[in-house]
Protein backbone atom coordinates (compact mmCIF):
# COMPACT_ATOMS: atom_id res chain seq x y z
CA UNK A 1 -27.78 2.80 -86.91
CA UNK A 2 -25.78 4.17 -83.98
CA UNK A 3 -24.84 1.48 -81.46
CA UNK A 4 -26.03 2.19 -77.94
CA UNK A 5 -23.37 2.84 -75.30
CA UNK A 6 -23.36 1.27 -71.84
CA UNK A 7 -24.72 4.55 -70.44
CA UNK A 8 -27.59 4.44 -72.92
CA UNK A 9 -28.36 0.91 -71.71
CA UNK A 10 -28.28 1.87 -68.03
CA UNK A 11 -24.81 0.56 -67.13
CA UNK A 12 -22.42 2.33 -64.78
CA UNK A 13 -19.29 1.50 -62.80
CA UNK A 14 -20.18 0.57 -59.20
CA UNK A 15 -18.25 1.79 -56.17
CA UNK A 16 -15.52 -0.54 -54.97
CA UNK A 17 -17.24 -1.22 -51.64
CA UNK A 18 -20.32 -2.64 -53.34
CA UNK A 19 -20.58 -6.49 -53.29
CA UNK A 20 -18.03 -8.37 -55.40
CA UNK A 21 -18.46 -11.60 -57.28
CA UNK A 22 -14.68 -11.93 -57.44
CA UNK A 23 -11.32 -10.20 -57.50
CA UNK A 24 -8.95 -10.68 -60.44
CA UNK A 25 -5.14 -10.74 -60.16
CA UNK A 26 -2.10 -11.97 -62.11
CA UNK A 27 0.63 -13.95 -60.31
CA UNK A 28 3.94 -12.05 -60.08
CA UNK A 29 6.75 -12.78 -62.45
CA UNK A 30 10.42 -11.84 -62.72
CA UNK A 31 10.12 -9.04 -65.24
CA UNK A 32 11.40 -5.50 -65.11
CA UNK A 33 9.21 -4.96 -62.04
CA UNK A 34 10.91 -7.21 -59.46
CA UNK A 35 14.56 -7.92 -60.15
CA UNK A 36 16.55 -10.53 -58.24
CA UNK A 37 15.33 -11.68 -54.84
CA UNK A 38 12.51 -9.14 -54.79
CA UNK A 39 10.30 -11.55 -56.72
CA UNK A 40 10.28 -14.04 -53.83
CA UNK A 41 9.15 -11.32 -51.43
CA UNK A 42 6.39 -10.19 -53.78
CA UNK A 43 5.18 -13.78 -54.15
CA UNK A 44 4.85 -13.95 -50.36
CA UNK A 45 2.94 -10.67 -50.43
CA UNK A 46 0.59 -12.17 -53.00
CA UNK A 47 -0.08 -15.19 -50.79
CA UNK A 48 -1.15 -12.82 -48.03
CA UNK A 49 -3.38 -10.83 -50.39
CA UNK A 50 -5.02 -13.92 -51.88
CA UNK A 51 -5.68 -15.61 -48.56
CA UNK A 52 -7.34 -12.49 -47.18
CA UNK A 53 -9.47 -12.04 -50.29
CA UNK A 54 -10.53 -15.70 -50.31
CA UNK A 55 -12.26 -15.28 -46.96
CA UNK A 56 -14.95 -13.11 -48.49
CA UNK A 57 -15.04 -13.68 -52.24
CA UNK A 58 -13.77 -15.65 -55.21
CA UNK A 59 -10.24 -15.00 -56.40
CA UNK A 60 -9.52 -15.39 -60.11
CA UNK A 61 -5.77 -15.73 -60.51
CA UNK A 62 -4.02 -15.52 -63.89
CA UNK A 63 -0.86 -17.60 -64.25
CA UNK A 64 1.48 -17.74 -67.23
CA UNK A 65 1.79 -21.52 -67.48
CA UNK A 66 1.60 -24.88 -65.71
CA UNK A 67 4.88 -24.30 -63.89
CA UNK A 68 3.72 -20.98 -62.45
CA UNK A 69 0.38 -22.45 -61.45
CA UNK A 70 2.12 -25.28 -59.61
CA UNK A 71 4.33 -22.84 -57.71
CA UNK A 72 1.40 -20.64 -56.74
CA UNK A 73 -0.60 -23.63 -55.53
CA UNK A 74 2.33 -24.89 -53.45
CA UNK A 75 2.81 -21.53 -51.76
CA UNK A 76 -0.92 -21.07 -51.15
CA UNK A 77 -1.23 -24.59 -49.71
CA UNK A 78 0.84 -23.49 -46.72
CA UNK A 79 -1.68 -20.79 -45.79
CA UNK A 80 -3.89 -21.39 -42.75
CA UNK A 81 -6.34 -18.63 -43.70
CA UNK A 82 -6.91 -19.51 -47.35
CA UNK A 83 -10.31 -20.75 -48.48
CA UNK A 84 -9.14 -23.09 -51.31
CA UNK A 85 -12.58 -23.40 -52.89
CA UNK A 86 -12.58 -19.67 -53.60
CA UNK A 87 -9.36 -19.58 -55.65
CA UNK A 88 -9.55 -20.28 -59.39
CA UNK A 89 -6.56 -20.47 -61.74
CA UNK A 90 -6.57 -19.31 -65.36
CA UNK A 91 -3.60 -19.94 -67.66
CA UNK A 92 -3.45 -16.58 -69.34
CA UNK A 93 0.04 -15.17 -69.76
CA UNK A 94 0.69 -11.53 -68.85
CA UNK A 95 3.72 -9.31 -69.20
CA UNK A 96 3.21 -7.70 -65.81
CA UNK A 97 0.99 -7.89 -62.71
CA UNK A 98 -0.82 -4.56 -62.74
CA UNK A 99 -4.16 -6.07 -63.63
CA UNK A 100 -6.21 -2.97 -62.80
CA UNK A 101 -4.58 -1.13 -65.67
CA UNK A 102 -4.74 -3.69 -68.48
CA UNK A 103 -7.70 -5.79 -67.35
CA UNK A 104 -11.37 -5.02 -68.03
CA UNK A 105 -13.25 -2.40 -66.04
CA UNK A 106 -16.55 -3.90 -64.94
CA UNK A 107 -19.90 -2.15 -65.10
CA UNK A 108 -23.36 -3.00 -63.84
CA UNK A 109 -26.97 -2.36 -64.85
CA UNK A 110 -30.01 -2.67 -62.65
CA UNK A 111 -33.42 -3.47 -64.05
CA UNK A 112 -36.68 -4.85 -62.74
CA UNK A 113 -35.71 -8.49 -63.24
CA UNK A 114 -32.04 -8.68 -62.27
CA UNK A 115 -28.69 -6.98 -62.03
CA UNK A 116 -26.63 -7.33 -65.19
CA UNK A 117 -22.84 -7.19 -65.04
CA UNK A 118 -20.84 -6.21 -68.11
CA UNK A 119 -17.34 -4.98 -68.80
CA UNK A 120 -15.47 -2.38 -70.79
CA UNK A 121 -12.24 -3.13 -72.65
CA UNK A 122 -10.12 0.01 -73.04
CA UNK A 123 -6.83 0.37 -74.90
CA UNK A 124 -3.62 -0.10 -72.92
CA UNK A 125 -0.33 1.34 -74.17
CA UNK A 126 1.91 0.55 -71.17
CA UNK A 127 1.45 3.92 -69.47
CA UNK A 128 2.29 6.12 -72.38
CA UNK A 129 4.48 3.72 -74.40
CA UNK A 130 7.03 3.30 -71.60
CA UNK A 131 7.41 -0.50 -71.70
CA UNK A 132 7.11 -2.19 -75.09
CA UNK A 133 7.40 -5.68 -73.61
CA UNK A 134 4.09 -5.41 -71.77
CA UNK A 135 2.01 -3.72 -74.46
CA UNK A 136 0.56 -7.14 -75.44
CA UNK A 137 -1.31 -7.10 -72.10
CA UNK A 138 -3.91 -5.03 -73.93
CA UNK A 139 -5.26 -8.36 -75.21
CA UNK A 140 -5.74 -9.98 -71.78
CA UNK A 141 -9.48 -9.12 -71.52
CA UNK A 142 -10.07 -10.94 -74.81
CA UNK A 143 -8.67 -14.16 -73.30
CA UNK A 144 -10.54 -14.06 -69.99
CA UNK A 145 -13.49 -16.40 -69.34
CA UNK A 146 -16.15 -13.69 -69.32
CA UNK A 147 -18.84 -15.55 -71.24
CA UNK A 148 -22.29 -14.36 -70.38
CA UNK A 149 -21.11 -10.82 -69.65
CA UNK A 150 -21.78 -8.16 -72.26
CA UNK A 151 -18.55 -6.51 -73.34
CA UNK A 152 -17.88 -3.09 -74.85
CA UNK A 153 -14.66 -2.19 -76.67
CA UNK A 154 -13.56 1.41 -76.19
CA UNK A 155 -11.15 3.04 -78.69
CA UNK A 156 -9.49 5.11 -75.99
CA UNK A 157 -6.43 4.57 -73.78
CA UNK A 158 -7.44 4.34 -70.13
CA UNK A 159 -6.05 2.49 -67.12
CA UNK A 160 -8.25 1.47 -64.21
CA UNK A 161 -5.89 3.05 -61.71
CA UNK A 162 -6.48 6.47 -63.23
CA UNK A 163 -10.12 6.70 -62.09
CA UNK A 164 -12.16 6.23 -58.93
CA UNK A 165 -15.91 6.52 -58.39
CA UNK A 166 -18.53 6.82 -55.66
CA UNK A 167 -20.88 4.60 -57.67
CA UNK A 168 -23.35 7.44 -58.25
CA UNK A 169 -21.66 9.01 -61.25
CA UNK A 170 -18.97 11.15 -59.61
CA UNK A 171 -15.43 10.26 -60.67
CA UNK A 172 -11.97 11.34 -59.54
CA UNK A 173 -9.03 11.53 -61.93
CA UNK A 174 -5.95 13.65 -62.69
CA UNK A 175 -5.04 15.97 -65.51
CA UNK A 176 -1.47 14.67 -65.44
CA UNK A 177 -2.65 11.25 -66.58
CA UNK A 178 -5.81 11.56 -68.66
CA UNK A 179 -4.72 14.73 -70.44
CA UNK A 180 -1.19 13.46 -71.04
CA UNK A 181 -0.22 13.55 -74.71
CA UNK A 182 1.20 10.04 -74.40
CA UNK A 183 -2.33 8.65 -73.92
CA UNK A 184 -4.92 10.24 -76.22
CA UNK A 185 -3.32 13.31 -77.84
CA UNK A 186 -6.33 14.00 -80.05
CA UNK A 187 -8.88 14.13 -77.24
CA UNK A 188 -9.84 17.22 -75.28
CA UNK A 189 -10.93 17.17 -71.67
CA UNK A 190 -14.54 17.40 -72.80
CA UNK A 191 -14.21 14.43 -75.17
CA UNK A 192 -12.55 12.32 -72.49
CA UNK A 193 -15.39 13.15 -70.12
CA UNK A 194 -17.76 12.06 -72.86
CA UNK A 195 -16.14 8.62 -73.07
CA UNK A 196 -16.16 8.29 -69.27
CA UNK A 197 -19.86 9.07 -69.32
CA UNK A 198 -20.73 6.78 -72.23
CA UNK A 199 -18.85 3.73 -70.99
CA UNK A 200 -18.59 4.09 -67.19
CA UNK A 201 -21.53 6.32 -66.30
CA UNK A 202 -19.54 9.37 -65.22
CA UNK A 203 -21.82 12.40 -64.96
CA UNK A 204 -19.53 14.47 -62.76
CA UNK A 205 -15.73 14.37 -63.12
CA UNK A 206 -13.46 15.98 -60.52
CA UNK A 207 -10.09 16.73 -62.06
CA UNK A 208 -7.11 16.84 -59.71
CA UNK A 209 -3.74 18.04 -60.99
CA UNK A 210 -0.61 15.93 -60.48
CA UNK A 211 0.08 12.57 -58.88
CA UNK A 212 3.02 11.33 -56.82
CA UNK A 213 6.69 11.77 -57.57
CA UNK A 214 8.18 8.51 -58.81
CA UNK A 215 4.90 7.28 -60.29
CA UNK A 216 5.58 5.91 -63.77
CA UNK A 217 1.84 5.95 -64.57
CA UNK A 218 1.85 9.76 -64.84
CA UNK A 219 -0.30 10.47 -61.82
CA UNK A 220 -2.77 7.66 -61.16
CA UNK A 221 -5.56 8.72 -58.84
CA UNK A 222 -5.40 5.54 -56.74
CA UNK A 223 -2.20 6.75 -55.09
CA UNK A 224 -3.54 10.15 -54.05
CA UNK A 225 -7.34 10.25 -53.53
CA UNK A 226 -10.09 7.66 -53.17
CA UNK A 227 -13.80 7.54 -52.41
CA UNK A 228 -14.59 5.67 -49.19
CA UNK A 229 -18.34 6.38 -49.24
CA UNK A 230 -20.88 8.12 -51.46
CA UNK A 231 -19.90 11.54 -50.12
CA UNK A 232 -16.43 11.10 -48.59
CA UNK A 233 -12.93 11.13 -50.06
CA UNK A 234 -9.59 10.33 -48.45
CA UNK A 235 -6.80 12.49 -49.80
CA UNK A 236 -3.07 11.92 -49.35
CA UNK A 237 -1.35 14.75 -47.49
CA UNK A 238 2.38 15.36 -47.08
CA UNK A 239 3.45 17.21 -43.93
CA UNK A 240 7.08 17.74 -44.90
CA UNK A 241 7.32 20.98 -46.89
CA UNK A 242 10.68 19.86 -48.25
CA UNK A 243 9.20 16.75 -49.88
CA UNK A 244 8.60 16.99 -53.63
CA UNK A 245 5.02 15.78 -53.14
CA UNK A 246 4.10 18.55 -50.74
CA UNK A 247 2.81 21.20 -53.15
CA UNK A 248 1.01 18.82 -55.52
CA UNK A 249 -0.85 17.05 -52.70
CA UNK A 250 -1.79 20.35 -51.07
CA UNK A 251 -3.23 21.62 -54.36
CA UNK A 252 -5.22 18.41 -54.84
CA UNK A 253 -6.59 18.66 -51.31
CA UNK A 254 -7.78 22.20 -52.01
CA UNK A 255 -9.46 21.13 -55.26
CA UNK A 256 -11.38 18.35 -53.55
CA UNK A 257 -12.48 20.69 -50.79
CA UNK A 258 -14.03 22.96 -53.42
CA UNK A 259 -15.56 20.09 -55.40
CA UNK A 260 -19.15 18.88 -55.39
CA UNK A 261 -20.76 15.53 -55.99
CA UNK A 262 -23.24 14.65 -58.76
CA UNK A 263 -26.07 16.36 -56.83
CA UNK A 264 -24.17 19.58 -56.15
CA UNK A 265 -23.35 18.73 -52.54
CA UNK A 266 -19.96 19.30 -50.93
CA UNK A 267 -17.78 16.29 -50.27
CA UNK A 268 -16.36 15.31 -46.91
CA UNK A 269 -12.57 15.13 -47.14
CA UNK A 270 -10.29 13.15 -44.83
CA UNK A 271 -6.56 13.84 -44.76
CA UNK A 272 -4.55 10.66 -45.16
CA UNK A 273 -0.88 10.45 -44.11
CA UNK A 274 2.00 9.59 -46.37
CA UNK A 275 4.84 7.19 -45.52
CA UNK A 276 8.39 8.44 -45.64
CA UNK A 277 10.11 8.74 -48.98
CA UNK A 278 10.81 5.31 -50.51
CA UNK A 279 13.55 4.61 -53.04
CA UNK A 280 15.05 1.65 -54.87
CA UNK A 281 18.56 1.93 -56.31
CA UNK A 282 18.36 5.70 -56.00
CA UNK A 283 15.00 6.03 -57.78
CA UNK A 284 11.91 7.19 -55.94
CA UNK A 285 8.93 4.81 -55.92
CA UNK A 286 5.30 5.81 -55.23
CA UNK A 287 4.71 4.44 -51.73
CA UNK A 288 1.19 5.42 -50.63
CA UNK A 289 -1.39 4.15 -48.15
CA UNK A 290 -4.13 5.34 -50.53
CA UNK A 291 -3.48 2.30 -52.73
CA UNK A 292 -5.71 0.17 -50.49
CA UNK A 293 -8.28 -2.30 -51.82
CA UNK A 294 -11.85 -2.61 -50.51
CA UNK A 295 -12.83 -6.30 -50.53
CA UNK A 296 -16.12 -7.86 -49.41
CA UNK A 297 -14.97 -8.65 -45.89
CA UNK A 298 -11.82 -6.59 -45.49
CA UNK A 299 -9.79 -3.59 -46.56
CA UNK A 300 -6.23 -4.46 -47.55
CA UNK A 301 -3.86 -1.57 -46.85
CA UNK A 302 -0.24 -1.34 -48.04
CA UNK A 303 2.20 -0.63 -45.20
CA UNK A 304 5.91 0.14 -45.35
CA UNK A 305 7.43 -0.38 -41.88
CA UNK A 306 6.86 3.34 -41.32
CA UNK A 307 5.82 5.35 -38.31
CA UNK A 308 2.61 6.35 -40.12
CA UNK A 309 1.52 2.74 -40.79
CA UNK A 310 -0.50 2.58 -37.58
CA UNK A 311 -2.16 5.92 -38.20
CA UNK A 312 -3.23 4.92 -41.71
CA UNK A 313 -4.71 1.64 -40.47
CA UNK A 314 -6.58 3.41 -37.68
CA UNK A 315 -8.16 5.89 -40.11
CA UNK A 316 -9.27 3.11 -42.47
CA UNK A 317 -10.66 1.18 -39.52
CA UNK A 318 -12.91 4.09 -38.57
CA UNK A 319 -14.07 4.54 -42.16
CA UNK A 320 -14.91 0.85 -42.67
CA UNK A 321 -16.18 -0.42 -39.29
CA UNK A 322 -17.84 -3.48 -40.86
CA UNK A 323 -14.67 -4.79 -42.50
CA UNK A 324 -11.41 -6.21 -41.19
CA UNK A 325 -8.52 -3.86 -41.81
CA UNK A 326 -5.41 -5.76 -42.83
CA UNK A 327 -2.01 -4.15 -43.22
CA UNK A 328 0.17 -5.88 -45.83
CA UNK A 329 3.89 -5.16 -46.07
CA UNK A 330 4.43 -3.80 -49.59
CA UNK A 331 8.04 -2.63 -49.39
CA UNK A 332 9.07 -5.12 -52.06
CA UNK A 333 5.96 -4.75 -54.19
CA UNK A 334 6.21 -0.96 -54.48
CA UNK A 335 9.56 -1.34 -56.25
CA UNK A 336 7.44 -2.25 -59.28
CA UNK A 337 5.72 1.18 -58.95
CA UNK A 338 2.46 -0.13 -57.52
CA UNK A 339 0.89 -2.04 -54.65
CA UNK A 340 -2.43 -3.71 -53.76
CA UNK A 341 -5.00 -1.61 -55.61
CA UNK A 342 -2.90 -1.55 -58.77
CA UNK A 343 -2.75 -5.35 -58.81
CA UNK A 344 -6.45 -6.06 -58.24
CA UNK A 345 -9.71 -5.55 -60.11
CA UNK A 346 -13.16 -6.15 -58.67
CA UNK A 347 -15.91 -7.92 -60.56
CA UNK A 348 -19.31 -6.82 -59.17
CA UNK A 349 -21.82 -9.36 -57.94
CA UNK A 350 -25.03 -9.69 -59.93
């Protein structure tokens, strides 16, 4: 007997702006991501993220041990915005903080009686076998307190940052990542689309080309293009023709402008600025405003002390008039090759 897939059962991945039960994160640690004094700055960034999230939803925070939990609680206790009753600690050790990529991807099914929330557990190979020390993070979903939620194991490598959806079956991704031979070398584009359909409800996949320079994830979509409504996408755009991102972002913008949604309708596309080139010890890092996170009451936007910070916040404010737009300084966090969206994962409300 062939086991039914989530799609067969009516499950699909909701859009990020749909109501959350909670947001999941893992407290930062001094690994390869944040050497030296950078860790202290990232911890402060996390306090800001958590306090903002706690205003509108539960925050499930993974900590490695008792010592780390104590430190996190002490730092959070100094916050004037934090809603303490909305923050829950779970002692589950992780090798890194990029929870969206190794954590579960949640799905939801609607029926006559109730809304069922489930989750999918994909394989994680540390972005194409780049970091052996964090490969064990593939087991984090197995340790999470997800009792009562139906889970589905998927024998395919996929990171949450490599996909984005409008909640109606249209997904964005990149060829650079999902077709990379360091992920699933035996799978064709068609087979990958089949897994996206079976486990996340993707009925229409829009394939962009390449991601940002300096992105060690091989082109995650959440740095270059995101859905902000059922029919609208924001797309990163580089104005400097000399920048190495210029051609790739222009090509992606053209692809989205030609794309259609699940019903065959054209998408509305909003150009989104890029901050100036960011580097750490001579290596480029993927600074991008597109790595924002849509919470229940707010939109958290990474900023970089750049002249385009204000412009990015203004655009997001117009796109999400019912939510507070909060700029969070991510100059330290981006040294680890990610920012707010990479570190978070939404659990839909039932």
